[in-house]
């Protein structure tokens, strides 16, 4: 089983994340931000990952430190769970429609972290969640997992639907990329390393 547990404690947050990439999509998420809990639950379910996230953060300030630090720790856990990356598909992409909204994610488990994000126009807040933190989470996750990540909301009217489609697409795309392929010997790179 490809799994890992990581922790991070700062003056602003205390975060613990455990992930099993070969799980059943089961999750226990407690971030203190209800909408974000919902998004991480969807990410785990649609990716087929077992995910346990616990965070105590300075939510009296806002959700920024908590959500960014969860991205950092989740990225570290995914990177560790992948190990040497031998035999994985490496690339994954997925479109997800959510009613009137459509989101797309493409990623490469390359060891070269990068984020291209286009969320379009959104309401500033959904259920106490600052929607601009979506980009902060994705950046922290991508850079700490060593993933090149492109995430785009193509269109939609409802901000909840847009972000939900994006997190579902992230789960599906990552599931495709981490999948083992018996045809791949070693790592999928002419360099011999990822």
N, C-alpha and C. Protein backbone atom coordinates (compact mmCIF):
# COMPACT_ATOMS: atom_id res chain seq x y z
N UNK A 1 0.84 -1.19 0.00
CA UNK A 1 0.00 0.00 0.00
C UNK A 1 0.87 1.24 0.00
N UNK A 2 0.52 2.20 -0.84
CA UNK A 2 1.26 3.45 -0.92
C UNK A 2 0.59 4.47 -0.01
N UNK A 3 1.14 4.62 1.17
CA UNK A 3 0.54 5.53 2.12
C UNK A 3 1.60 6.27 2.92
N UNK A 4 1.19 7.38 3.52
CA UNK A 4 2.11 8.20 4.31
C UNK A 4 1.33 9.05 5.28
N UNK A 5 1.99 9.45 6.35
CA UNK A 5 1.43 10.40 7.31
C UNK A 5 2.46 11.49 7.54
N UNK A 6 2.01 12.73 7.47
CA UNK A 6 2.89 13.88 7.67
C UNK A 6 2.23 14.86 8.63
N UNK A 7 3.09 15.61 9.34
CA UNK A 7 2.61 16.61 10.29
C UNK A 7 3.38 17.91 10.10
N UNK A 8 2.73 19.00 10.49
CA UNK A 8 3.37 20.32 10.46
C UNK A 8 2.79 21.14 11.59
N UNK A 9 3.66 21.73 12.40
CA UNK A 9 3.21 22.58 13.51
C UNK A 9 3.94 23.91 13.43
N UNK A 10 3.17 24.99 13.40
CA UNK A 10 3.72 26.34 13.40
C UNK A 10 3.01 27.15 14.48
N UNK A 11 3.35 28.39 14.59
CA UNK A 11 2.66 29.28 15.54
C UNK A 11 1.23 29.56 15.08
N UNK A 12 0.92 29.24 13.81
CA UNK A 12 -0.40 29.53 13.26
C UNK A 12 -1.30 28.30 13.11
N UNK A 13 -0.68 27.13 12.88
CA UNK A 13 -1.47 25.93 12.63
C UNK A 13 -0.80 24.68 13.18
N UNK A 14 -1.62 23.67 13.37
CA UNK A 14 -1.14 22.31 13.65
C UNK A 14 -1.91 21.40 12.71
N UNK A 15 -1.18 20.75 11.80
CA UNK A 15 -1.81 19.97 10.74
C UNK A 15 -1.26 18.54 10.75
N UNK A 16 -2.17 17.58 10.60
CA UNK A 16 -1.80 16.18 10.43
C UNK A 16 -2.58 15.64 9.24
N UNK A 17 -1.88 14.98 8.32
CA UNK A 17 -2.50 14.40 7.14
C UNK A 17 -1.99 12.98 6.96
N UNK A 18 -2.90 12.05 6.76
CA UNK A 18 -2.50 10.70 6.32
C UNK A 18 -3.25 10.40 5.04
N UNK A 19 -2.54 9.76 4.09
CA UNK A 19 -3.13 9.45 2.80
C UNK A 19 -2.74 8.03 2.40
N UNK A 20 -3.69 7.34 1.79
CA UNK A 20 -3.45 6.02 1.20
C UNK A 20 -3.90 6.13 -0.25
N UNK A 21 -2.93 6.11 -1.16
CA UNK A 21 -3.24 6.26 -2.58
C UNK A 21 -3.98 5.06 -3.14
N UNK A 22 -3.92 3.93 -2.44
CA UNK A 22 -4.58 2.71 -2.89
C UNK A 22 -5.80 2.39 -2.03
N UNK A 23 -6.47 3.43 -1.59
CA UNK A 23 -7.60 3.27 -0.68
C UNK A 23 -8.91 3.04 -1.39
N UNK A 24 -9.99 3.38 -0.67
CA UNK A 24 -11.35 3.18 -1.17
C UNK A 24 -12.15 4.47 -1.22
N UNK A 25 -11.47 5.60 -1.09
CA UNK A 25 -12.16 6.88 -1.12
C UNK A 25 -12.79 7.27 0.19
N UNK A 26 -12.31 6.67 1.28
CA UNK A 26 -12.85 7.00 2.61
C UNK A 26 -12.08 8.16 3.20
N UNK A 27 -12.77 9.02 3.94
CA UNK A 27 -12.09 10.19 4.48
C UNK A 27 -12.67 10.61 5.82
N UNK A 28 -11.81 11.28 6.57
CA UNK A 28 -12.19 11.96 7.81
C UNK A 28 -11.48 13.31 7.76
N UNK A 29 -12.24 14.36 7.56
CA UNK A 29 -11.68 15.69 7.34
C UNK A 29 -12.20 16.65 8.40
N UNK A 30 -11.28 17.28 9.12
CA UNK A 30 -11.64 18.26 10.15
C UNK A 30 -10.68 19.44 10.07
N UNK A 31 -11.04 20.42 9.24
CA UNK A 31 -10.17 21.58 9.05
C UNK A 31 -10.67 22.81 9.79
N UNK A 32 -11.91 22.80 10.23
CA UNK A 32 -12.52 23.98 10.84
C UNK A 32 -13.20 24.88 9.82
N UNK A 33 -13.06 24.54 8.53
CA UNK A 33 -13.71 25.29 7.45
C UNK A 33 -14.62 24.32 6.71
N UNK A 34 -15.90 24.40 6.98
CA UNK A 34 -16.85 23.41 6.49
C UNK A 34 -16.83 23.18 4.99
N UNK A 35 -16.81 24.24 4.21
CA UNK A 35 -16.82 24.09 2.76
C UNK A 35 -15.54 23.39 2.29
N UNK A 36 -14.40 23.72 2.90
CA UNK A 36 -13.15 23.09 2.53
C UNK A 36 -13.14 21.61 2.92
N UNK A 37 -13.74 21.28 4.07
CA UNK A 37 -13.91 19.86 4.44
C UNK A 37 -14.65 19.12 3.33
N UNK A 38 -15.71 19.74 2.84
CA UNK A 38 -16.51 19.15 1.76
C UNK A 38 -15.66 18.93 0.51
N UNK A 39 -14.82 19.91 0.16
CA UNK A 39 -13.98 19.80 -1.04
C UNK A 39 -12.95 18.69 -0.90
N UNK A 40 -12.31 18.57 0.26
CA UNK A 40 -11.33 17.51 0.46
C UNK A 40 -11.99 16.13 0.50
N UNK A 41 -13.20 16.07 1.02
CA UNK A 41 -13.96 14.81 1.01
C UNK A 41 -14.24 14.38 -0.43
N UNK A 42 -14.62 15.34 -1.27
CA UNK A 42 -14.87 15.04 -2.69
C UNK A 42 -13.59 14.62 -3.40
N UNK A 43 -12.48 15.32 -3.12
CA UNK A 43 -11.19 14.97 -3.70
C UNK A 43 -10.83 13.52 -3.38
N UNK A 44 -10.99 13.12 -2.12
CA UNK A 44 -10.66 11.75 -1.71
C UNK A 44 -11.59 10.73 -2.36
N UNK A 45 -12.87 11.01 -2.34
CA UNK A 45 -13.85 10.08 -2.89
C UNK A 45 -13.63 9.86 -4.39
N UNK A 46 -13.46 10.95 -5.13
CA UNK A 46 -13.33 10.84 -6.58
C UNK A 46 -11.95 10.35 -7.01
N UNK A 47 -10.95 10.49 -6.14
CA UNK A 47 -9.63 9.96 -6.43
C UNK A 47 -9.45 8.52 -5.97
N UNK A 48 -10.37 8.06 -5.11
CA UNK A 48 -10.22 6.72 -4.54
C UNK A 48 -9.12 6.65 -3.50
N UNK A 49 -8.84 7.79 -2.86
CA UNK A 49 -7.79 7.85 -1.84
C UNK A 49 -8.44 7.81 -0.46
N UNK A 50 -7.82 7.12 0.48
CA UNK A 50 -8.20 7.26 1.88
C UNK A 50 -7.45 8.47 2.41
N UNK A 51 -8.18 9.38 3.04
CA UNK A 51 -7.59 10.65 3.46
C UNK A 51 -8.09 11.03 4.84
N UNK A 52 -7.15 11.32 5.72
CA UNK A 52 -7.46 11.79 7.06
C UNK A 52 -6.73 13.11 7.26
N UNK A 53 -7.49 14.17 7.51
CA UNK A 53 -6.91 15.51 7.68
C UNK A 53 -7.45 16.11 8.97
N UNK A 54 -6.54 16.55 9.83
CA UNK A 54 -6.91 17.27 11.05
C UNK A 54 -6.09 18.55 11.12
N UNK A 55 -6.78 19.65 11.33
CA UNK A 55 -6.09 20.94 11.41
C UNK A 55 -6.71 21.79 12.50
N UNK A 56 -5.84 22.35 13.32
CA UNK A 56 -6.24 23.40 14.26
C UNK A 56 -5.46 24.64 13.85
N UNK A 57 -6.19 25.66 13.41
CA UNK A 57 -5.53 26.85 12.91
C UNK A 57 -6.12 28.12 13.47
N UNK A 58 -5.50 29.22 13.12
CA UNK A 58 -5.91 30.54 13.61
C UNK A 58 -7.08 31.09 12.77
N UNK A 59 -8.19 30.38 12.81
CA UNK A 59 -9.36 30.75 12.00
C UNK A 59 -9.97 32.08 12.45
N UNK A 60 -9.61 32.54 13.64
CA UNK A 60 -10.08 33.86 14.07
C UNK A 60 -9.46 34.95 13.18
N UNK A 61 -8.30 34.65 12.59
CA UNK A 61 -7.69 35.58 11.63
C UNK A 61 -8.41 35.41 10.30
N UNK A 62 -8.28 34.24 9.71
CA UNK A 62 -9.02 33.80 8.52
C UNK A 62 -8.55 32.38 8.20
N UNK A 63 -8.99 31.84 7.08
CA UNK A 63 -8.65 30.46 6.75
C UNK A 63 -7.35 30.29 6.01
N UNK A 64 -6.66 31.38 5.69
CA UNK A 64 -5.49 31.31 4.81
C UNK A 64 -4.41 30.36 5.32
N UNK A 65 -3.97 30.54 6.56
CA UNK A 65 -2.88 29.73 7.10
C UNK A 65 -3.27 28.26 7.14
N UNK A 66 -4.49 27.97 7.56
CA UNK A 66 -4.93 26.58 7.65
C UNK A 66 -4.97 25.91 6.28
N UNK A 67 -5.59 26.56 5.32
CA UNK A 67 -5.78 25.95 4.00
C UNK A 67 -4.45 25.81 3.27
N UNK A 68 -3.60 26.82 3.35
CA UNK A 68 -2.28 26.71 2.71
C UNK A 68 -1.45 25.61 3.36
N UNK A 69 -1.45 25.54 4.70
CA UNK A 69 -0.64 24.53 5.39
C UNK A 69 -1.17 23.12 5.13
N UNK A 70 -2.46 22.97 4.99
CA UNK A 70 -3.01 21.66 4.62
C UNK A 70 -2.50 21.27 3.23
N UNK A 71 -2.46 22.24 2.31
CA UNK A 71 -1.91 21.96 0.98
C UNK A 71 -0.46 21.51 1.05
N UNK A 72 0.32 22.17 1.91
CA UNK A 72 1.73 21.80 2.08
C UNK A 72 1.85 20.36 2.57
N UNK A 73 1.11 20.04 3.64
CA UNK A 73 1.24 18.72 4.26
C UNK A 73 0.66 17.63 3.38
N UNK A 74 -0.45 17.90 2.72
CA UNK A 74 -1.01 16.91 1.79
C UNK A 74 -0.03 16.65 0.65
N UNK A 75 0.59 17.69 0.13
CA UNK A 75 1.58 17.51 -0.93
C UNK A 75 2.74 16.66 -0.46
N UNK A 76 3.25 16.93 0.74
CA UNK A 76 4.35 16.14 1.29
C UNK A 76 3.95 14.68 1.45
N UNK A 77 2.71 14.45 1.92
CA UNK A 77 2.25 13.07 2.14
C UNK A 77 2.11 12.32 0.81
N UNK A 78 1.56 12.98 -0.20
CA UNK A 78 1.42 12.33 -1.51
C UNK A 78 2.79 12.00 -2.08
N UNK A 79 3.72 12.94 -1.97
CA UNK A 79 5.08 12.72 -2.48
C UNK A 79 5.72 11.52 -1.80
N UNK A 80 5.60 11.45 -0.49
CA UNK A 80 6.19 10.32 0.24
C UNK A 80 5.51 9.01 -0.12
N UNK A 81 4.18 9.04 -0.23
CA UNK A 81 3.44 7.81 -0.56
C UNK A 81 3.81 7.27 -1.94
N UNK A 82 4.17 8.16 -2.86
CA UNK A 82 4.56 7.74 -4.21
C UNK A 82 5.92 7.06 -4.25
N UNK A 83 6.75 7.32 -3.26
CA UNK A 83 8.06 6.68 -3.21
C UNK A 83 8.90 7.01 -4.43
N UNK A 84 9.46 5.97 -5.08
CA UNK A 84 10.35 6.19 -6.22
C UNK A 84 9.60 6.44 -7.54
N UNK A 85 8.28 6.36 -7.52
CA UNK A 85 7.41 6.65 -8.68
C UNK A 85 7.55 5.64 -9.81
N UNK A 86 8.18 4.52 -9.53
CA UNK A 86 8.34 3.50 -10.56
C UNK A 86 6.99 2.90 -10.93
N UNK A 87 6.76 2.78 -12.23
CA UNK A 87 5.57 2.10 -12.74
C UNK A 87 4.30 2.92 -12.75
N UNK A 88 4.36 4.20 -12.36
CA UNK A 88 3.13 5.00 -12.37
C UNK A 88 2.91 5.63 -13.75
N UNK A 89 1.67 5.93 -14.05
CA UNK A 89 1.32 6.53 -15.35
C UNK A 89 1.91 7.93 -15.50
N UNK A 90 2.15 8.61 -14.42
CA UNK A 90 2.77 9.93 -14.34
C UNK A 90 1.84 11.08 -14.72
N UNK A 91 1.14 10.98 -15.83
CA UNK A 91 0.27 12.05 -16.31
C UNK A 91 -1.19 11.70 -16.03
N UNK A 92 -1.98 12.73 -15.76
CA UNK A 92 -3.41 12.53 -15.61
C UNK A 92 -4.16 13.80 -15.95
N UNK A 93 -5.32 13.64 -16.57
CA UNK A 93 -6.16 14.80 -16.86
C UNK A 93 -7.61 14.37 -16.78
N UNK A 94 -8.48 15.34 -16.48
CA UNK A 94 -9.89 14.99 -16.32
C UNK A 94 -10.76 16.24 -16.39
N UNK A 95 -11.87 16.12 -17.08
CA UNK A 95 -12.93 17.14 -17.08
C UNK A 95 -14.03 16.68 -16.13
N UNK A 96 -14.59 17.60 -15.37
CA UNK A 96 -15.76 17.30 -14.55
C UNK A 96 -16.82 18.37 -14.73
N UNK A 97 -18.02 17.96 -15.17
CA UNK A 97 -19.14 18.89 -15.19
C UNK A 97 -19.86 18.85 -13.84
N UNK A 98 -20.30 19.98 -13.37
CA UNK A 98 -21.12 20.06 -12.15
C UNK A 98 -22.27 21.00 -12.48
N UNK A 99 -23.38 20.41 -12.89
CA UNK A 99 -24.51 21.19 -13.36
C UNK A 99 -24.06 22.13 -14.49
N UNK A 100 -24.13 23.45 -14.28
CA UNK A 100 -23.79 24.40 -15.34
C UNK A 100 -22.29 24.69 -15.44
N UNK A 101 -21.51 24.17 -14.49
CA UNK A 101 -20.07 24.47 -14.44
C UNK A 101 -19.26 23.32 -15.04
N UNK A 102 -18.09 23.68 -15.59
CA UNK A 102 -17.18 22.68 -16.13
C UNK A 102 -15.75 23.04 -15.72
N UNK A 103 -15.04 22.07 -15.15
CA UNK A 103 -13.66 22.28 -14.71
C UNK A 103 -12.76 21.23 -15.33
N UNK A 104 -11.49 21.60 -15.48
CA UNK A 104 -10.49 20.72 -16.09
C UNK A 104 -9.20 20.78 -15.28
N UNK A 105 -8.60 19.61 -15.07
CA UNK A 105 -7.30 19.52 -14.41
C UNK A 105 -6.41 18.60 -15.24
N UNK A 106 -5.18 19.04 -15.48
CA UNK A 106 -4.14 18.21 -16.09
C UNK A 106 -2.91 18.31 -15.20
N UNK A 107 -2.25 17.17 -14.96
CA UNK A 107 -1.09 17.20 -14.09
C UNK A 107 -0.03 16.20 -14.52
N UNK A 108 1.17 16.47 -14.07
CA UNK A 108 2.35 15.65 -14.36
C UNK A 108 3.13 15.49 -13.07
N UNK A 109 3.29 14.24 -12.63
CA UNK A 109 4.09 13.98 -11.43
C UNK A 109 5.54 13.94 -11.88
N UNK A 110 6.08 15.11 -12.10
CA UNK A 110 7.36 15.28 -12.79
C UNK A 110 8.53 15.55 -11.85
N UNK A 111 8.24 15.94 -10.62
CA UNK A 111 9.29 16.42 -9.74
C UNK A 111 9.62 17.88 -9.99
N UNK A 112 8.94 18.49 -10.97
CA UNK A 112 9.12 19.91 -11.28
C UNK A 112 7.83 20.64 -10.95
N UNK A 113 7.73 21.18 -9.75
CA UNK A 113 6.48 21.80 -9.33
C UNK A 113 6.16 23.09 -10.08
N UNK A 114 4.90 23.20 -10.45
CA UNK A 114 4.44 24.40 -11.15
C UNK A 114 2.91 24.43 -11.04
N UNK A 115 2.36 25.62 -11.02
CA UNK A 115 0.90 25.77 -11.02
C UNK A 115 0.49 26.79 -12.06
N UNK A 116 -0.45 26.40 -12.89
CA UNK A 116 -1.18 27.33 -13.76
C UNK A 116 -2.63 27.21 -13.34
N UNK A 117 -3.20 28.30 -12.87
CA UNK A 117 -4.57 28.28 -12.33
C UNK A 117 -5.39 29.39 -12.98
N UNK A 118 -6.57 29.02 -13.43
CA UNK A 118 -7.52 29.99 -13.97
C UNK A 118 -8.88 29.65 -13.40
N UNK A 119 -9.26 30.38 -12.34
CA UNK A 119 -10.54 30.12 -11.69
C UNK A 119 -11.66 30.99 -12.22
N UNK A 120 -11.32 31.98 -13.05
CA UNK A 120 -12.35 32.87 -13.56
C UNK A 120 -12.97 33.70 -12.43
N UNK A 121 -14.12 34.25 -12.72
CA UNK A 121 -14.82 35.08 -11.73
C UNK A 121 -15.59 34.20 -10.76
N UNK A 122 -15.51 34.56 -9.49
CA UNK A 122 -16.21 33.82 -8.44
C UNK A 122 -16.76 34.78 -7.40
N UNK A 123 -17.75 34.33 -6.68
CA UNK A 123 -18.16 35.04 -5.48
C UNK A 123 -16.98 35.00 -4.52
N UNK A 124 -16.77 36.03 -3.72
CA UNK A 124 -15.59 36.06 -2.85
C UNK A 124 -15.61 35.02 -1.73
N UNK A 125 -16.81 34.62 -1.29
CA UNK A 125 -16.93 33.69 -0.17
C UNK A 125 -18.04 32.69 -0.45
N UNK A 126 -17.77 31.42 -0.09
CA UNK A 126 -18.81 30.38 -0.12
C UNK A 126 -18.80 29.68 1.23
N UNK A 127 -19.88 29.80 1.97
CA UNK A 127 -19.99 29.12 3.26
C UNK A 127 -18.85 29.40 4.22
N UNK A 128 -18.36 30.63 4.26
CA UNK A 128 -17.25 30.99 5.14
C UNK A 128 -15.88 30.68 4.56
N UNK A 129 -15.84 30.15 3.35
CA UNK A 129 -14.59 29.82 2.67
C UNK A 129 -14.24 30.93 1.70
N UNK A 130 -13.05 31.50 1.86
CA UNK A 130 -12.55 32.55 0.97
C UNK A 130 -12.12 31.88 -0.33
N UNK A 131 -12.83 32.15 -1.42
CA UNK A 131 -12.62 31.40 -2.66
C UNK A 131 -11.24 31.62 -3.28
N UNK A 132 -10.56 32.74 -2.97
CA UNK A 132 -9.22 32.93 -3.53
C UNK A 132 -8.21 31.97 -2.89
N UNK A 133 -8.60 31.30 -1.80
CA UNK A 133 -7.72 30.32 -1.17
C UNK A 133 -7.63 29.03 -1.97
N UNK A 134 -8.51 28.85 -2.95
CA UNK A 134 -8.41 27.68 -3.82
C UNK A 134 -7.05 27.67 -4.51
N UNK A 135 -6.65 28.81 -5.03
CA UNK A 135 -5.35 28.89 -5.69
C UNK A 135 -4.21 28.67 -4.70
N UNK A 136 -4.32 29.22 -3.50
CA UNK A 136 -3.28 29.04 -2.49
C UNK A 136 -3.12 27.57 -2.12
N UNK A 137 -4.24 26.87 -1.97
CA UNK A 137 -4.19 25.43 -1.67
C UNK A 137 -3.52 24.66 -2.80
N UNK A 138 -3.96 24.92 -4.03
CA UNK A 138 -3.41 24.19 -5.18
C UNK A 138 -1.91 24.43 -5.33
N UNK A 139 -1.47 25.67 -5.12
CA UNK A 139 -0.04 25.98 -5.24
C UNK A 139 0.75 25.23 -4.17
N UNK A 140 0.29 25.29 -2.92
CA UNK A 140 0.99 24.61 -1.83
C UNK A 140 1.04 23.10 -2.08
N UNK A 141 -0.07 22.54 -2.54
CA UNK A 141 -0.12 21.11 -2.82
C UNK A 141 0.84 20.73 -3.94
N UNK A 142 0.76 21.44 -5.07
CA UNK A 142 1.59 21.12 -6.23
C UNK A 142 3.07 21.25 -5.92
N UNK A 143 3.46 22.32 -5.24
CA UNK A 143 4.88 22.55 -4.99
C UNK A 143 5.45 21.56 -4.00
N UNK A 144 4.65 21.10 -3.05
CA UNK A 144 5.16 20.16 -2.06
C UNK A 144 5.04 18.71 -2.51
N UNK A 145 4.18 18.43 -3.48
CA UNK A 145 4.08 17.09 -4.04
C UNK A 145 5.04 16.90 -5.21
N UNK A 146 5.58 18.00 -5.75
CA UNK A 146 6.44 17.92 -6.92
C UNK A 146 5.66 17.66 -8.20
N UNK A 147 4.53 18.34 -8.31
CA UNK A 147 3.61 18.12 -9.44
C UNK A 147 3.50 19.39 -10.27
N UNK A 148 3.52 19.24 -11.59
CA UNK A 148 3.12 20.32 -12.48
C UNK A 148 1.61 20.22 -12.61
N UNK A 149 0.91 21.28 -12.23
CA UNK A 149 -0.55 21.24 -12.14
C UNK A 149 -1.17 22.39 -12.91
N UNK A 150 -2.06 22.05 -13.83
CA UNK A 150 -2.85 23.03 -14.55
C UNK A 150 -4.31 22.81 -14.15
N UNK A 151 -4.95 23.85 -13.67
CA UNK A 151 -6.34 23.75 -13.20
C UNK A 151 -7.13 24.93 -13.75
N UNK A 152 -8.25 24.62 -14.39
CA UNK A 152 -9.03 25.67 -15.04
C UNK A 152 -10.52 25.41 -14.87
N UNK A 153 -11.22 26.45 -14.48
CA UNK A 153 -12.68 26.41 -14.51
C UNK A 153 -13.10 27.05 -15.82
N UNK A 154 -13.65 26.25 -16.71
CA UNK A 154 -13.95 26.74 -18.05
C UNK A 154 -15.14 27.69 -18.07
N UNK A 155 -16.18 27.33 -17.32
CA UNK A 155 -17.34 28.22 -17.21
C UNK A 155 -18.25 27.73 -16.10
N UNK A 156 -19.24 28.53 -15.81
CA UNK A 156 -20.21 28.23 -14.76
C UNK A 156 -20.73 29.51 -14.15
N UNK A 157 -21.82 29.40 -13.43
CA UNK A 157 -22.42 30.55 -12.76
C UNK A 157 -22.32 30.46 -11.24
N UNK A 158 -22.47 29.25 -10.71
CA UNK A 158 -22.51 29.04 -9.27
C UNK A 158 -21.10 28.73 -8.76
N UNK A 159 -20.62 29.55 -7.84
CA UNK A 159 -19.25 29.39 -7.35
C UNK A 159 -19.04 28.06 -6.65
N UNK A 160 -20.02 27.61 -5.88
CA UNK A 160 -19.93 26.30 -5.23
C UNK A 160 -19.71 25.21 -6.28
N UNK A 161 -20.51 25.25 -7.33
CA UNK A 161 -20.39 24.24 -8.39
C UNK A 161 -19.03 24.29 -9.07
N UNK A 162 -18.51 25.49 -9.31
CA UNK A 162 -17.22 25.64 -9.98
C UNK A 162 -16.09 25.01 -9.17
N UNK A 163 -16.04 25.34 -7.90
CA UNK A 163 -14.95 24.83 -7.06
C UNK A 163 -15.12 23.34 -6.83
N UNK A 164 -16.34 22.89 -6.67
CA UNK A 164 -16.59 21.45 -6.49
C UNK A 164 -16.14 20.67 -7.72
N UNK A 165 -16.46 21.16 -8.90
CA UNK A 165 -16.02 20.49 -10.13
C UNK A 165 -14.50 20.43 -10.18
N UNK A 166 -13.83 21.49 -9.74
CA UNK A 166 -12.37 21.53 -9.78
C UNK A 166 -11.74 20.50 -8.83
N UNK A 167 -12.26 20.39 -7.62
CA UNK A 167 -11.72 19.41 -6.67
C UNK A 167 -12.00 17.97 -7.11
N UNK A 168 -13.15 17.73 -7.70
CA UNK A 168 -13.44 16.40 -8.24
C UNK A 168 -12.48 16.08 -9.39
N UNK A 169 -12.26 17.05 -10.26
CA UNK A 169 -11.35 16.85 -11.38
C UNK A 169 -9.93 16.58 -10.88
N UNK A 170 -9.51 17.28 -9.82
CA UNK A 170 -8.20 17.06 -9.24
C UNK A 170 -8.07 15.62 -8.73
N UNK A 171 -9.09 15.14 -8.05
CA UNK A 171 -9.07 13.76 -7.56
C UNK A 171 -8.95 12.75 -8.68
N UNK A 172 -9.78 12.92 -9.71
CA UNK A 172 -9.75 11.98 -10.84
C UNK A 172 -8.42 12.04 -11.58
N UNK A 173 -7.92 13.24 -11.85
CA UNK A 173 -6.66 13.38 -12.60
C UNK A 173 -5.49 12.78 -11.82
N UNK A 174 -5.46 13.01 -10.51
CA UNK A 174 -4.38 12.45 -9.70
C UNK A 174 -4.48 10.92 -9.65
N UNK A 175 -5.69 10.40 -9.59
CA UNK A 175 -5.88 8.94 -9.59
C UNK A 175 -5.32 8.32 -10.87
N UNK A 176 -5.55 8.98 -12.00
CA UNK A 176 -5.03 8.49 -13.29
C UNK A 176 -3.50 8.51 -13.26
N UNK A 177 -2.92 9.59 -12.74
CA UNK A 177 -1.47 9.76 -12.76
C UNK A 177 -0.74 8.80 -11.82
N UNK A 178 -1.32 8.48 -10.67
CA UNK A 178 -0.64 7.61 -9.71
C UNK A 178 -0.90 6.14 -9.98
N UNK A 179 -1.79 5.84 -10.92
CA UNK A 179 -2.12 4.44 -11.22
C UNK A 179 -0.90 3.69 -11.71
N UNK A 180 -0.77 2.45 -11.27
CA UNK A 180 0.32 1.59 -11.71
C UNK A 180 -0.02 1.02 -13.08
N UNK A 181 0.99 0.95 -13.93
CA UNK A 181 0.83 0.40 -15.28
C UNK A 181 1.94 -0.63 -15.47
N UNK A 182 1.55 -1.89 -15.65
CA UNK A 182 2.53 -2.98 -15.76
C UNK A 182 3.45 -2.82 -16.97
N UNK A 183 3.02 -2.08 -17.97
CA UNK A 183 3.85 -1.87 -19.16
C UNK A 183 5.02 -0.92 -18.89
N UNK A 184 4.89 -0.11 -17.84
CA UNK A 184 5.94 0.87 -17.53
C UNK A 184 6.97 0.22 -16.63
N UNK A 185 8.16 0.11 -17.15
CA UNK A 185 9.28 -0.44 -16.38
C UNK A 185 10.10 0.73 -15.86
N UNK A 186 10.33 0.78 -14.57
CA UNK A 186 11.02 1.91 -13.98
C UNK A 186 10.13 3.13 -13.95
N UNK A 187 10.72 4.31 -14.20
CA UNK A 187 9.93 5.53 -14.24
C UNK A 187 9.71 5.96 -15.67
N UNK A 188 8.59 6.65 -15.92
CA UNK A 188 8.22 7.08 -17.25
C UNK A 188 8.95 8.38 -17.60
N UNK A 189 10.26 8.23 -17.85
CA UNK A 189 11.09 9.37 -18.20
C UNK A 189 12.36 8.88 -18.88
N UNK A 190 12.76 9.55 -19.95
CA UNK A 190 14.03 9.20 -20.60
C UNK A 190 15.23 9.58 -19.72
N UNK A 191 14.99 10.42 -18.70
CA UNK A 191 16.06 10.79 -17.77
C UNK A 191 16.36 9.65 -16.80
N UNK A 192 15.35 8.78 -16.58
CA UNK A 192 15.52 7.69 -15.64
C UNK A 192 15.11 8.03 -14.21
N UNK A 193 14.75 9.28 -13.97
CA UNK A 193 14.29 9.71 -12.66
C UNK A 193 13.16 10.73 -12.83
N UNK A 194 12.32 10.80 -11.81
CA UNK A 194 11.28 11.81 -11.76
C UNK A 194 11.47 12.61 -10.48
